[in-house]
N, C-alpha and C. Protein backbone atom coordinates (compact mmCIF):
# COMPACT_ATOMS: atom_id res chain seq x y z
N MET A 1 92.77 -150.42 -44.29
CA MET A 1 92.78 -148.98 -44.26
C MET A 1 91.95 -148.39 -45.41
N LEU A 2 91.85 -149.14 -46.49
CA LEU A 2 91.04 -148.66 -47.61
C LEU A 2 89.56 -148.66 -47.29
N ASP A 3 89.16 -149.46 -46.30
CA ASP A 3 87.75 -149.53 -45.93
C ASP A 3 87.35 -148.47 -44.92
N GLU A 4 88.28 -147.59 -44.56
CA GLU A 4 87.99 -146.54 -43.57
C GLU A 4 86.88 -145.64 -44.10
N GLN A 5 85.93 -145.33 -43.23
CA GLN A 5 84.81 -144.48 -43.61
C GLN A 5 85.11 -143.04 -43.20
N TYR A 6 84.80 -142.10 -44.10
CA TYR A 6 85.03 -140.68 -43.86
C TYR A 6 83.70 -139.95 -43.84
N TYR A 7 83.64 -138.89 -43.02
CA TYR A 7 82.43 -138.09 -42.89
C TYR A 7 82.75 -136.62 -43.13
N THR A 8 81.73 -135.87 -43.56
CA THR A 8 81.87 -134.43 -43.68
C THR A 8 81.59 -133.80 -42.31
N ILE A 9 81.87 -132.52 -42.18
CA ILE A 9 81.58 -131.82 -40.93
C ILE A 9 80.08 -131.88 -40.64
N GLU A 10 79.26 -131.72 -41.67
CA GLU A 10 77.81 -131.77 -41.48
C GLU A 10 77.36 -133.12 -40.94
N GLU A 11 77.92 -134.20 -41.48
CA GLU A 11 77.55 -135.54 -41.03
C GLU A 11 77.98 -135.77 -39.58
N VAL A 12 79.18 -135.31 -39.24
CA VAL A 12 79.67 -135.46 -37.86
C VAL A 12 78.78 -134.67 -36.91
N ALA A 13 78.38 -133.48 -37.32
CA ALA A 13 77.50 -132.65 -36.49
C ALA A 13 76.18 -133.37 -36.23
N LYS A 14 75.63 -134.03 -37.24
CA LYS A 14 74.38 -134.78 -37.06
C LYS A 14 74.59 -135.96 -36.13
N ILE A 15 75.69 -136.69 -36.31
CA ILE A 15 75.98 -137.86 -35.48
C ILE A 15 76.10 -137.46 -34.02
N LEU A 16 76.84 -136.38 -33.76
CA LEU A 16 77.10 -135.94 -32.39
C LEU A 16 76.03 -135.00 -31.85
N LYS A 17 75.06 -134.65 -32.68
CA LYS A 17 73.95 -133.77 -32.31
C LYS A 17 74.42 -132.42 -31.80
N VAL A 18 75.31 -131.81 -32.60
CA VAL A 18 75.79 -130.46 -32.35
C VAL A 18 75.68 -129.69 -33.67
N VAL A 19 75.93 -128.40 -33.62
CA VAL A 19 75.86 -127.61 -34.84
C VAL A 19 77.19 -127.69 -35.60
N TYR A 20 77.13 -127.37 -36.87
CA TYR A 20 78.29 -127.40 -37.77
C TYR A 20 79.48 -126.63 -37.19
N LEU A 21 79.22 -125.44 -36.68
CA LEU A 21 80.28 -124.58 -36.19
C LEU A 21 81.03 -125.18 -35.01
N THR A 22 80.35 -125.94 -34.18
CA THR A 22 81.00 -126.60 -33.04
C THR A 22 82.04 -127.60 -33.54
N VAL A 23 81.67 -128.41 -34.52
CA VAL A 23 82.61 -129.39 -35.09
C VAL A 23 83.77 -128.66 -35.74
N TYR A 24 83.49 -127.59 -36.47
CA TYR A 24 84.54 -126.80 -37.12
C TYR A 24 85.52 -126.25 -36.08
N ARG A 25 85.01 -125.76 -34.97
CA ARG A 25 85.88 -125.23 -33.90
C ARG A 25 86.74 -126.32 -33.28
N TRP A 26 86.17 -127.53 -33.11
CA TRP A 26 86.95 -128.65 -32.58
C TRP A 26 88.11 -128.96 -33.51
N ILE A 27 87.86 -128.90 -34.81
CA ILE A 27 88.91 -129.17 -35.80
C ILE A 27 89.98 -128.08 -35.72
N GLN A 28 89.56 -126.83 -35.68
CA GLN A 28 90.51 -125.72 -35.64
C GLN A 28 91.36 -125.73 -34.37
N SER A 29 90.79 -126.19 -33.26
CA SER A 29 91.53 -126.21 -32.00
C SER A 29 92.39 -127.46 -31.84
N GLY A 30 92.23 -128.43 -32.76
CA GLY A 30 93.01 -129.65 -32.71
C GLY A 30 92.39 -130.74 -31.85
N LYS A 31 91.20 -130.52 -31.34
CA LYS A 31 90.53 -131.54 -30.52
C LYS A 31 90.03 -132.70 -31.37
N LEU A 32 89.68 -132.42 -32.63
CA LEU A 32 89.19 -133.44 -33.55
C LEU A 32 90.07 -133.41 -34.79
N VAL A 33 90.59 -134.57 -35.15
CA VAL A 33 91.47 -134.67 -36.33
C VAL A 33 90.62 -134.70 -37.59
N ALA A 34 91.00 -133.89 -38.58
CA ALA A 34 90.29 -133.87 -39.85
C ALA A 34 91.30 -133.70 -40.97
N TYR A 35 90.91 -134.13 -42.15
CA TYR A 35 91.78 -134.05 -43.32
C TYR A 35 91.09 -133.16 -44.34
N LYS A 36 91.86 -132.28 -44.95
CA LYS A 36 91.29 -131.35 -45.91
C LYS A 36 91.34 -131.97 -47.31
N ALA A 37 90.19 -132.02 -47.96
CA ALA A 37 90.08 -132.52 -49.33
C ALA A 37 89.57 -131.36 -50.17
N GLY A 38 90.48 -130.66 -50.79
CA GLY A 38 90.09 -129.45 -51.51
C GLY A 38 89.73 -128.38 -50.51
N LYS A 39 88.50 -127.91 -50.57
CA LYS A 39 88.03 -126.89 -49.63
C LYS A 39 87.21 -127.50 -48.49
N GLN A 40 87.02 -128.81 -48.52
CA GLN A 40 86.19 -129.44 -47.52
C GLN A 40 87.02 -130.31 -46.58
N TYR A 41 86.50 -130.50 -45.38
CA TYR A 41 87.14 -131.38 -44.41
C TYR A 41 86.49 -132.75 -44.44
N ARG A 42 87.31 -133.77 -44.18
CA ARG A 42 86.82 -135.14 -44.03
C ARG A 42 87.34 -135.67 -42.70
N ILE A 43 86.49 -136.37 -41.97
CA ILE A 43 86.85 -136.89 -40.65
C ILE A 43 86.66 -138.40 -40.68
N LYS A 44 87.71 -139.14 -40.26
CA LYS A 44 87.63 -140.60 -40.21
C LYS A 44 86.73 -141.04 -39.06
N LYS A 45 86.04 -142.15 -39.26
CA LYS A 45 85.20 -142.71 -38.20
C LYS A 45 86.04 -143.04 -36.98
N SER A 46 87.23 -143.58 -37.17
CA SER A 46 88.09 -143.93 -36.04
C SER A 46 88.49 -142.68 -35.25
N ASP A 47 88.67 -141.55 -35.92
CA ASP A 47 89.00 -140.30 -35.23
C ASP A 47 87.80 -139.78 -34.44
N ILE A 48 86.60 -139.97 -34.97
CA ILE A 48 85.39 -139.58 -34.24
C ILE A 48 85.27 -140.42 -32.98
N ASP A 49 85.47 -141.74 -33.13
CA ASP A 49 85.39 -142.64 -31.97
C ASP A 49 86.42 -142.27 -30.91
N ARG A 50 87.63 -141.97 -31.32
CA ARG A 50 88.69 -141.57 -30.39
C ARG A 50 88.32 -140.27 -29.68
N PHE A 51 87.76 -139.32 -30.41
CA PHE A 51 87.33 -138.04 -29.85
C PHE A 51 86.26 -138.27 -28.77
N ILE A 52 85.29 -139.12 -29.08
CA ILE A 52 84.21 -139.40 -28.12
C ILE A 52 84.77 -140.04 -26.86
N GLU A 53 85.70 -140.98 -27.00
CA GLU A 53 86.30 -141.64 -25.86
C GLU A 53 87.02 -140.64 -24.95
N ARG A 54 87.73 -139.71 -25.55
CA ARG A 54 88.48 -138.71 -24.77
C ARG A 54 87.55 -137.76 -24.03
N GLN A 55 86.36 -137.52 -24.58
CA GLN A 55 85.43 -136.59 -23.96
C GLN A 55 84.65 -137.21 -22.81
N SER A 56 84.63 -138.53 -22.76
CA SER A 56 83.86 -139.22 -21.71
C SER A 56 84.56 -139.16 -20.37
């Protein structure tokens, strides 16, 4: 679990080829799990993978 990789909203947006606001809306609606670190969000790679699987 210590080796889990985390991404920022900007990085996730680049990976999924969408804009920042789209990823932010997914987080706000609960479609994508994210963790707040101070004022920024962090998203686990496993949560991104799970999100992609559900969308397919």
